[in-house]
């Protein structure tokens, strides 16, 4: 599947091209919205129902420890992402949709831990702030006539950098480094939101409402979902009120 694209001025688009790209964008945002709802519901349920919480946290004489299931749901989302990205051409559309829905639910379960760390009020406030920032950058990415390809490449390099720094800080446990990583994470995923929206727009112009276009709608939803979730988590680490 060809995923190369070039930025084309909006005044040069044919009406059919505009309709095609909008169909892929609409599909991406629709599937992303559904995934966010499923993630929020599964996270809240596992955090509020004691029987489900017990599947993730096991009481000990020193407090609580993570269960085997907790470790599985923490790392399972990565497996889902790899299946979607590398199985895009091989999986049928229903299988791709089922994988994406399963991914959003498992991610929600893994995110249920934030309810034990941060106050509900701060979680809601940060979520609304993330939604507002995401919307602004999505609109910017859609409407700008500037090619964001070079910016996207730089942001991806920065993303690799903060992933490496985060892994190092797992052992160092340096709070100042964690703060710096969170700030850089907000900057990077804010920029990636605009870049990814423009990329999906351009890919939609090439594929339209074909089977390939519908599959790209799922991949686009995954990309935007990851942008939103990571932006939310970095903002929560910066501004969330801990219990």
C-alpha atoms as a PDB file:
ATOM      1  CA  UNK A   1       0.000   0.000   0.000  1.00  0.00           C
ATOM      2  CA  UNK A   2       1.476   3.293  -1.077  1.00  0.00           C
ATOM      3  CA  UNK A   3       1.552   5.796   1.774  1.00  0.00           C
ATOM      4  CA  UNK A   4       3.616   8.527   0.104  1.00  0.00           C
ATOM      5  CA  UNK A   5       1.983  11.891  -0.303  1.00  0.00           C
ATOM      6  CA  UNK A   6       2.624  15.462  -1.315  1.00  0.00           C
ATOM      7  CA  UNK A   7       0.914  18.562  -0.088  1.00  0.00           C
ATOM      8  CA  UNK A   8      -1.417  19.994  -2.705  1.00  0.00           C
ATOM      9  CA  UNK A   9      -2.873  23.534  -2.465  1.00  0.00           C
ATOM     10  CA  UNK A  10      -6.587  23.395  -1.708  1.00  0.00           C
ATOM     11  CA  UNK A  11      -7.398  25.578  -4.711  1.00  0.00           C
ATOM     12  CA  UNK A  12      -5.987  22.870  -6.989  1.00  0.00           C
ATOM     13  CA  UNK A  13      -8.208  20.105  -5.643  1.00  0.00           C
ATOM     14  CA  UNK A  14     -10.979  18.746  -7.805  1.00  0.00           C
ATOM     15  CA  UNK A  15     -14.371  18.460  -6.041  1.00  0.00           C
ATOM     16  CA  UNK A  16     -14.122  14.665  -6.197  1.00  0.00           C
ATOM     17  CA  UNK A  17     -10.673  14.790  -4.572  1.00  0.00           C
ATOM     18  CA  UNK A  18     -11.984  16.958  -1.745  1.00  0.00           C
ATOM     19  CA  UNK A  19     -14.853  14.512  -1.230  1.00  0.00           C
ATOM     20  CA  UNK A  20     -12.441  11.566  -1.215  1.00  0.00           C
ATOM     21  CA  UNK A  21     -10.060  13.044   1.319  1.00  0.00           C
ATOM     22  CA  UNK A  22     -12.965  14.113   3.515  1.00  0.00           C
ATOM     23  CA  UNK A  23     -14.346  10.568   3.509  1.00  0.00           C
ATOM     24  CA  UNK A  24     -11.052   9.185   4.843  1.00  0.00           C
ATOM     25  CA  UNK A  25     -10.761  11.984   7.404  1.00  0.00           C
ATOM     26  CA  UNK A  26     -14.369  11.523   8.510  1.00  0.00           C
ATOM     27  CA  UNK A  27     -13.765   7.798   8.849  1.00  0.00           C
ATOM     28  CA  UNK A  28     -10.573   8.382  10.861  1.00  0.00           C
ATOM     29  CA  UNK A  29     -12.211  10.815  13.276  1.00  0.00           C
ATOM     30  CA  UNK A  30     -15.336   8.654  13.602  1.00  0.00           C
ATOM     31  CA  UNK A  31     -13.365   5.513  14.485  1.00  0.00           C
ATOM     32  CA  UNK A  32     -11.090   7.523  16.764  1.00  0.00           C
ATOM     33  CA  UNK A  33     -14.123   8.942  18.613  1.00  0.00           C
ATOM     34  CA  UNK A  34     -15.566   5.461  19.069  1.00  0.00           C
ATOM     35  CA  UNK A  35     -12.214   4.232  20.370  1.00  0.00           C
ATOM     36  CA  UNK A  36     -12.028   7.100  22.863  1.00  0.00           C
ATOM     37  CA  UNK A  37     -15.501   6.280  24.187  1.00  0.00           C
ATOM     38  CA  UNK A  38     -14.639   2.592  24.574  1.00  0.00           C
ATOM     39  CA  UNK A  39     -11.340   3.476  26.257  1.00  0.00           C
ATOM     40  CA  UNK A  40     -12.996   5.856  28.712  1.00  0.00           C
ATOM     41  CA  UNK A  41     -15.744   3.351  29.590  1.00  0.00           C
ATOM     42  CA  UNK A  42     -13.388   0.402  30.096  1.00  0.00           C
ATOM     43  CA  UNK A  43     -10.962   2.527  32.154  1.00  0.00           C
ATOM     44  CA  UNK A  44     -13.724   3.832  34.424  1.00  0.00           C
ATOM     45  CA  UNK A  45     -15.349   0.412  34.886  1.00  0.00           C
ATOM     46  CA  UNK A  46     -12.098  -1.327  35.833  1.00  0.00           C
ATOM     47  CA  UNK A  47     -11.246   1.506  38.222  1.00  0.00           C
ATOM     48  CA  UNK A  48     -14.647   1.638  39.934  1.00  0.00           C
ATOM     49  CA  UNK A  49     -15.759  -2.015  40.125  1.00  0.00           C
ATOM     50  CA  UNK A  50     -13.826  -3.723  42.957  1.00  0.00           C
ATOM     51  CA  UNK A  51     -14.129  -7.186  41.404  1.00  0.00           C
ATOM     52  CA  UNK A  52     -12.487  -5.943  38.199  1.00  0.00           C
ATOM     53  CA  UNK A  53      -9.893  -3.871  40.045  1.00  0.00           C
ATOM     54  CA  UNK A  54      -8.893  -7.016  41.906  1.00  0.00           C
ATOM     55  CA  UNK A  55      -7.945  -8.564  38.557  1.00  0.00           C
ATOM     56  CA  UNK A  56      -5.265  -5.887  38.175  1.00  0.00           C
ATOM     57  CA  UNK A  57      -4.139  -5.159  41.734  1.00  0.00           C
ATOM     58  CA  UNK A  58      -3.366  -7.792  44.331  1.00  0.00           C
ATOM     59  CA  UNK A  59      -3.182  -6.776  48.020  1.00  0.00           C
ATOM     60  CA  UNK A  60      -0.003  -7.543  49.931  1.00  0.00           C
ATOM     61  CA  UNK A  61       1.272  -6.768  53.417  1.00  0.00           C
ATOM     62  CA  UNK A  62       3.050  -3.705  51.963  1.00  0.00           C
ATOM     63  CA  UNK A  63       0.125  -2.423  49.885  1.00  0.00           C
ATOM     64  CA  UNK A  64      -0.718  -3.602  46.385  1.00  0.00           C
ATOM     65  CA  UNK A  65       1.173  -5.246  43.554  1.00  0.00           C
ATOM     66  CA  UNK A  66       0.338  -5.695  39.884  1.00  0.00           C
ATOM     67  CA  UNK A  67      -1.162  -9.007  38.836  1.00  0.00           C
ATOM     68  CA  UNK A  68      -0.095 -10.998  35.781  1.00  0.00           C
ATOM     69  CA  UNK A  69      -3.157  -9.666  33.936  1.00  0.00           C
ATOM     70  CA  UNK A  70      -2.075  -6.106  34.734  1.00  0.00           C
ATOM     71  CA  UNK A  71       1.296  -6.657  33.079  1.00  0.00           C
ATOM     72  CA  UNK A  72      -0.437  -8.229  30.080  1.00  0.00           C
ATOM     73  CA  UNK A  73      -2.786  -5.277  29.528  1.00  0.00           C
ATOM     74  CA  UNK A  74       0.115  -2.849  29.973  1.00  0.00           C
ATOM     75  CA  UNK A  75       2.074  -4.363  27.079  1.00  0.00           C
ATOM     76  CA  UNK A  76      -0.794  -5.760  24.967  1.00  0.00           C
ATOM     77  CA  UNK A  77      -1.611  -2.408  23.289  1.00  0.00           C
ATOM     78  CA  UNK A  78       1.801  -2.438  21.616  1.00  0.00           C
ATOM     79  CA  UNK A  79       1.012  -5.841  20.117  1.00  0.00           C
ATOM     80  CA  UNK A  80      -2.324  -4.546  18.796  1.00  0.00           C
ATOM     81  CA  UNK A  81      -0.619  -1.537  17.198  1.00  0.00           C
ATOM     82  CA  UNK A  82       1.931  -3.764  15.472  1.00  0.00           C
ATOM     83  CA  UNK A  83      -0.819  -6.070  14.172  1.00  0.00           C
ATOM     84  CA  UNK A  84      -2.762  -3.143  12.721  1.00  0.00           C
ATOM     85  CA  UNK A  85       0.233  -1.432  11.151  1.00  0.00           C
ATOM     86  CA  UNK A  86       1.909  -4.506   9.678  1.00  0.00           C
ATOM     87  CA  UNK A  87      -1.308  -6.397   8.915  1.00  0.00           C
ATOM     88  CA  UNK A  88      -3.030  -3.529   7.123  1.00  0.00           C
ATOM     89  CA  UNK A  89      -2.827  -5.188   3.706  1.00  0.00           C
ATOM     90  CA  UNK A  90      -3.352  -8.762   4.917  1.00  0.00           C
ATOM     91  CA  UNK A  91      -6.255  -8.331   7.335  1.00  0.00           C
ATOM     92  CA  UNK A  92      -9.809  -8.004   6.075  1.00  0.00           C
ATOM     93  CA  UNK A  93     -11.668  -4.813   6.933  1.00  0.00           C
ATOM     94  CA  UNK A  94     -13.862  -6.518   9.610  1.00  0.00           C
ATOM     95  CA  UNK A  95     -10.759  -8.095  11.190  1.00  0.00           C
ATOM     96  CA  UNK A  96      -9.010  -4.721  11.161  1.00  0.00           C
ATOM     97  CA  UNK A  97     -12.007  -3.073  12.820  1.00  0.00           C
ATOM     98  CA  UNK A  98     -12.242  -5.822  15.462  1.00  0.00           C
ATOM     99  CA  UNK A  99      -8.519  -5.472  16.218  1.00  0.00           C
ATOM    100  CA  UNK A 100      -8.843  -1.697  16.575  1.00  0.00           C
ATOM    101  CA  UNK A 101     -11.850  -2.020  18.894  1.00  0.00           C
ATOM    102  CA  UNK A 102     -10.035  -4.638  20.981  1.00  0.00           C
ATOM    103  CA  UNK A 103      -7.025  -2.332  21.145  1.00  0.00           C
ATOM    104  CA  UNK A 104      -9.088   0.594  22.423  1.00  0.00           C
ATOM    105  CA  UNK A 105     -10.683  -1.540  25.161  1.00  0.00           C
ATOM    106  CA  UNK A 106      -7.384  -3.050  26.323  1.00  0.00           C
ATOM    107  CA  UNK A 107      -5.799   0.411  26.335  1.00  0.00           C
ATOM    108  CA  UNK A 108      -8.673   1.624  28.497  1.00  0.00           C
ATOM    109  CA  UNK A 109      -8.047  -1.167  30.987  1.00  0.00           C
ATOM    110  CA  UNK A 110      -4.362  -0.240  31.135  1.00  0.00           C
ATOM    111  CA  UNK A 111      -5.286   3.417  31.697  1.00  0.00           C
ATOM    112  CA  UNK A 112      -7.582   2.580  34.622  1.00  0.00           C
ATOM    113  CA  UNK A 113      -4.549   3.012  36.900  1.00  0.00           C
ATOM    114  CA  UNK A 114      -4.677   6.792  36.467  1.00  0.00           C
ATOM    115  CA  UNK A 115      -7.829   6.848  38.631  1.00  0.00           C
ATOM    116  CA  UNK A 116      -5.762   5.488  41.524  1.00  0.00           C
ATOM    117  CA  UNK A 117      -3.000   8.065  41.044  1.00  0.00           C
ATOM    118  CA  UNK A 118      -4.790  11.311  40.111  1.00  0.00           C
ATOM    119  CA  UNK A 119      -7.957  12.973  41.354  1.00  0.00           C
ATOM    120  CA  UNK A 120     -11.024  12.578  39.152  1.00  0.00           C
ATOM    121  CA  UNK A 121     -11.392  16.352  38.882  1.00  0.00           C
ATOM    122  CA  UNK A 122      -7.908  16.820  37.479  1.00  0.00           C
ATOM    123  CA  UNK A 123      -8.376  13.903  35.059  1.00  0.00           C
ATOM    124  CA  UNK A 124     -11.527  15.504  33.633  1.00  0.00           C
ATOM    125  CA  UNK A 125      -9.900  18.940  33.457  1.00  0.00           C
ATOM    126  CA  UNK A 126      -6.806  17.649  31.670  1.00  0.00           C
ATOM    127  CA  UNK A 127      -8.978  15.578  29.316  1.00  0.00           C
ATOM    128  CA  UNK A 128     -11.015  18.621  28.288  1.00  0.00           C
ATOM    129  CA  UNK A 129      -7.828  20.667  27.870  1.00  0.00           C
ATOM    130  CA  UNK A 130      -6.350  17.917  25.711  1.00  0.00           C
ATOM    131  CA  UNK A 131      -9.502  17.781  23.580  1.00  0.00           C
ATOM    132  CA  UNK A 132      -9.378  21.548  23.027  1.00  0.00           C
ATOM    133  CA  UNK A 133      -5.672  21.549  22.124  1.00  0.00           C
ATOM    134  CA  UNK A 134      -6.114  18.513  19.870  1.00  0.00           C
ATOM    135  CA  UNK A 135      -9.026  20.171  18.050  1.00  0.00           C
ATOM    136  CA  UNK A 136      -7.052  23.373  17.441  1.00  0.00           C
ATOM    137  CA  UNK A 137      -4.069  21.496  16.025  1.00  0.00           C
ATOM    138  CA  UNK A 138      -6.276  19.205  13.931  1.00  0.00           C
ATOM    139  CA  UNK A 139      -7.929  22.250  12.355  1.00  0.00           C
ATOM    140  CA  UNK A 140      -4.512  23.809  11.798  1.00  0.00           C
ATOM    141  CA  UNK A 141      -3.248  20.653  10.118  1.00  0.00           C
ATOM    142  CA  UNK A 142      -6.283  20.455   7.867  1.00  0.00           C
ATOM    143  CA  UNK A 143      -6.382  24.093   6.798  1.00  0.00           C
ATOM    144  CA  UNK A 144      -2.695  24.965   6.451  1.00  0.00           C
ATOM    145  CA  UNK A 145      -1.221  25.092   2.961  1.00  0.00           C
ATOM    146  CA  UNK A 146       2.291  24.597   4.333  1.00  0.00           C
ATOM    147  CA  UNK A 147       3.819  21.173   3.752  1.00  0.00           C
ATOM    148  CA  UNK A 148       4.432  19.720   7.228  1.00  0.00           C
ATOM    149  CA  UNK A 149       6.467  16.740   6.002  1.00  0.00           C
ATOM    150  CA  UNK A 150       9.812  18.111   7.212  1.00  0.00           C
ATOM    151  CA  UNK A 151       8.287  19.100  10.539  1.00  0.00           C
ATOM    152  CA  UNK A 152       6.858  15.608  10.896  1.00  0.00           C
ATOM    153  CA  UNK A 153      10.271  14.052  10.282  1.00  0.00           C
ATOM    154  CA  UNK A 154      11.829  16.233  12.993  1.00  0.00           C
ATOM    155  CA  UNK A 155       9.032  15.421  15.410  1.00  0.00           C
ATOM    156  CA  UNK A 156       9.483  11.691  14.811  1.00  0.00           C
ATOM    157  CA  UNK A 157      13.180  12.041  15.652  1.00  0.00           C
ATOM    158  CA  UNK A 158      12.175  13.888  18.818  1.00  0.00           C
ATOM    159  CA  UNK A 159       9.678  11.123  19.627  1.00  0.00           C
ATOM    160  CA  UNK A 160      12.395   8.487  19.388  1.00  0.00           C
ATOM    161  CA  UNK A 161      14.505  10.663  21.675  1.00  0.00           C
ATOM    162  CA  UNK A 162      11.896  10.915  24.427  1.00  0.00           C
ATOM    163  CA  UNK A 163      11.181   7.174  24.214  1.00  0.00           C
ATOM    164  CA  UNK A 164      14.878   6.460  24.824  1.00  0.00           C
ATOM    165  CA  UNK A 165      15.029   9.087  27.569  1.00  0.00           C
ATOM    166  CA  UNK A 166      11.933   7.598  29.230  1.00  0.00           C
ATOM    167  CA  UNK A 167      13.476   4.134  29.233  1.00  0.00           C
ATOM    168  CA  UNK A 168      16.651   5.511  30.798  1.00  0.00           C
ATOM    169  CA  UNK A 169      14.647   7.401  33.407  1.00  0.00           C
ATOM    170  CA  UNK A 170      12.886   4.190  34.435  1.00  0.00           C
ATOM    171  CA  UNK A 171      16.151   3.262  36.118  1.00  0.00           C
ATOM    172  CA  UNK A 172      17.315   6.751  37.126  1.00  0.00           C
ATOM    173  CA  UNK A 173      13.929   7.877  38.488  1.00  0.00           C
ATOM    174  CA  UNK A 174      14.922  11.519  38.116  1.00  0.00           C
ATOM    175  CA  UNK A 175      11.907  13.775  38.684  1.00  0.00           C
ATOM    176  CA  UNK A 176      13.483  16.716  36.846  1.00  0.00           C
ATOM    177  CA  UNK A 177      14.143  14.580  33.772  1.00  0.00           C
ATOM    178  CA  UNK A 178      10.585  13.271  33.965  1.00  0.00           C
ATOM    179  CA  UNK A 179       9.320  16.863  33.957  1.00  0.00           C
ATOM    180  CA  UNK A 180      11.449  17.759  30.922  1.00  0.00           C
ATOM    181  CA  UNK A 181      10.322  14.621  29.077  1.00  0.00           C
ATOM    182  CA  UNK A 182       6.685  15.517  29.750  1.00  0.00           C
ATOM    183  CA  UNK A 183       7.126  19.038  28.369  1.00  0.00           C
ATOM    184  CA  UNK A 184       8.853  17.726  25.260  1.00  0.00           C
ATOM    185  CA  UNK A 185       6.139  15.097  24.891  1.00  0.00           C
ATOM    186  CA  UNK A 186       3.419  17.754  24.873  1.00  0.00           C
ATOM    187  CA  UNK A 187       5.297  19.775  22.248  1.00  0.00           C
ATOM    188  CA  UNK A 188       5.977  16.744  20.043  1.00  0.00           C
ATOM    189  CA  UNK A 189       2.450  15.305  20.083  1.00  0.00           C
ATOM    190  CA  UNK A 190       0.906  18.741  19.620  1.00  0.00           C
ATOM    191  CA  UNK A 191       2.908  19.106  16.417  1.00  0.00           C
ATOM    192  CA  UNK A 192       2.291  15.492  15.353  1.00  0.00           C
ATOM    193  CA  UNK A 193      -1.455  16.060  15.578  1.00  0.00           C
ATOM    194  CA  UNK A 194      -1.313  18.737  12.867  1.00  0.00           C
ATOM    195  CA  UNK A 195       1.135  16.682  10.790  1.00  0.00           C
ATOM    196  CA  UNK A 196      -0.935  13.495  10.973  1.00  0.00           C
ATOM    197  CA  UNK A 197      -4.180  15.259  10.044  1.00  0.00           C
ATOM    198  CA  UNK A 198      -2.502  16.726   6.969  1.00  0.00           C
ATOM    199  CA  UNK A 199      -1.043  13.319   6.084  1.00  0.00           C
ATOM    200  CA  UNK A 200      -4.445  11.624   6.349  1.00  0.00           C
ATOM    201  CA  UNK A 201      -5.988  14.394   4.265  1.00  0.00           C
ATOM    202  CA  UNK A 202      -3.473  13.859   1.485  1.00  0.00           C
ATOM    203  CA  UNK A 203      -3.727  10.080   1.614  1.00  0.00           C
ATOM    204  CA  UNK A 204      -7.499  10.380   1.397  1.00  0.00           C
ATOM    205  CA  UNK A 205      -7.128  12.361  -1.807  1.00  0.00           C
ATOM    206  CA  UNK A 206      -5.298   9.383  -3.345  1.00  0.00           C
ATOM    207  CA  UNK A 207      -7.469   6.497  -2.138  1.00  0.00           C
ATOM    208  CA  UNK A 208     -10.991   7.852  -1.750  1.00  0.00           C
ATOM    209  CA  UNK A 209     -13.789   5.584  -0.507  1.00  0.00           C
ATOM    210  CA  UNK A 210     -12.225   2.358  -1.807  1.00  0.00           C
ATOM    211  CA  UNK A 211     -11.428  -0.641   0.386  1.00  0.00           C
ATOM    212  CA  UNK A 212      -7.917   0.750   0.675  1.00  0.00           C
ATOM    213  CA  UNK A 213      -9.360   4.092   1.750  1.00  0.00           C
ATOM    214  CA  UNK A 214     -11.557   2.465   4.414  1.00  0.00           C
ATOM    215  CA  UNK A 215      -8.562   0.568   5.771  1.00  0.00           C
ATOM    216  CA  UNK A 216      -6.561   3.791   5.805  1.00  0.00           C
ATOM    217  CA  UNK A 217      -9.421   5.305   7.787  1.00  0.00           C
ATOM    218  CA  UNK A 218      -8.742   2.740  10.542  1.00  0.00           C
ATOM    219  CA  UNK A 219      -4.997   3.368  10.379  1.00  0.00           C
ATOM    220  CA  UNK A 220      -5.635   7.111  10.501  1.00  0.00           C
ATOM    221  CA  UNK A 221      -7.892   6.629  13.518  1.00  0.00           C
ATOM    222  CA  UNK A 222      -5.137   4.663  15.251  1.00  0.00           C
ATOM    223  CA  UNK A 223      -2.615   7.422  14.522  1.00  0.00           C
ATOM    224  CA  UNK A 224      -4.867  10.204  15.807  1.00  0.00           C
ATOM    225  CA  UNK A 225      -5.857   8.104  18.818  1.00  0.00           C
ATOM    226  CA  UNK A 226      -2.204   7.632  19.744  1.00  0.00           C
ATOM    227  CA  UNK A 227      -1.593  11.376  19.359  1.00  0.00           C
ATOM    228  CA  UNK A 228      -4.503  12.168  21.669  1.00  0.00           C
ATOM    229  CA  UNK A 229      -3.718   9.550  24.322  1.00  0.00           C
ATOM    230  CA  UNK A 230      -0.040  10.463  24.510  1.00  0.00           C
ATOM    231  CA  UNK A 231      -0.825  14.184  24.626  1.00  0.00           C
ATOM    232  CA  UNK A 232      -3.331  13.511  27.406  1.00  0.00           C
ATOM    233  CA  UNK A 233      -0.887  11.423  29.433  1.00  0.00           C
ATOM    234  CA  UNK A 234       1.943  13.959  29.170  1.00  0.00           C
ATOM    235  CA  UNK A 235      -0.392  16.801  30.176  1.00  0.00           C
ATOM    236  CA  UNK A 236      -1.693  14.708  33.056  1.00  0.00           C
ATOM    237  CA  UNK A 237       1.849  14.119  34.290  1.00  0.00           C
ATOM    238  CA  UNK A 238       2.434  17.883  34.199  1.00  0.00           C
ATOM    239  CA  UNK A 239      -0.827  19.227  35.588  1.00  0.00           C
ATOM    240  CA  UNK A 240      -2.666  16.302  37.189  1.00  0.00           C
ATOM    241  CA  UNK A 241      -3.326  16.515  40.922  1.00  0.00           C
ATOM    242  CA  UNK A 242      -2.038  13.374  42.598  1.00  0.00           C
ATOM    243  CA  UNK A 243      -3.993  11.708  45.380  1.00  0.00           C
END
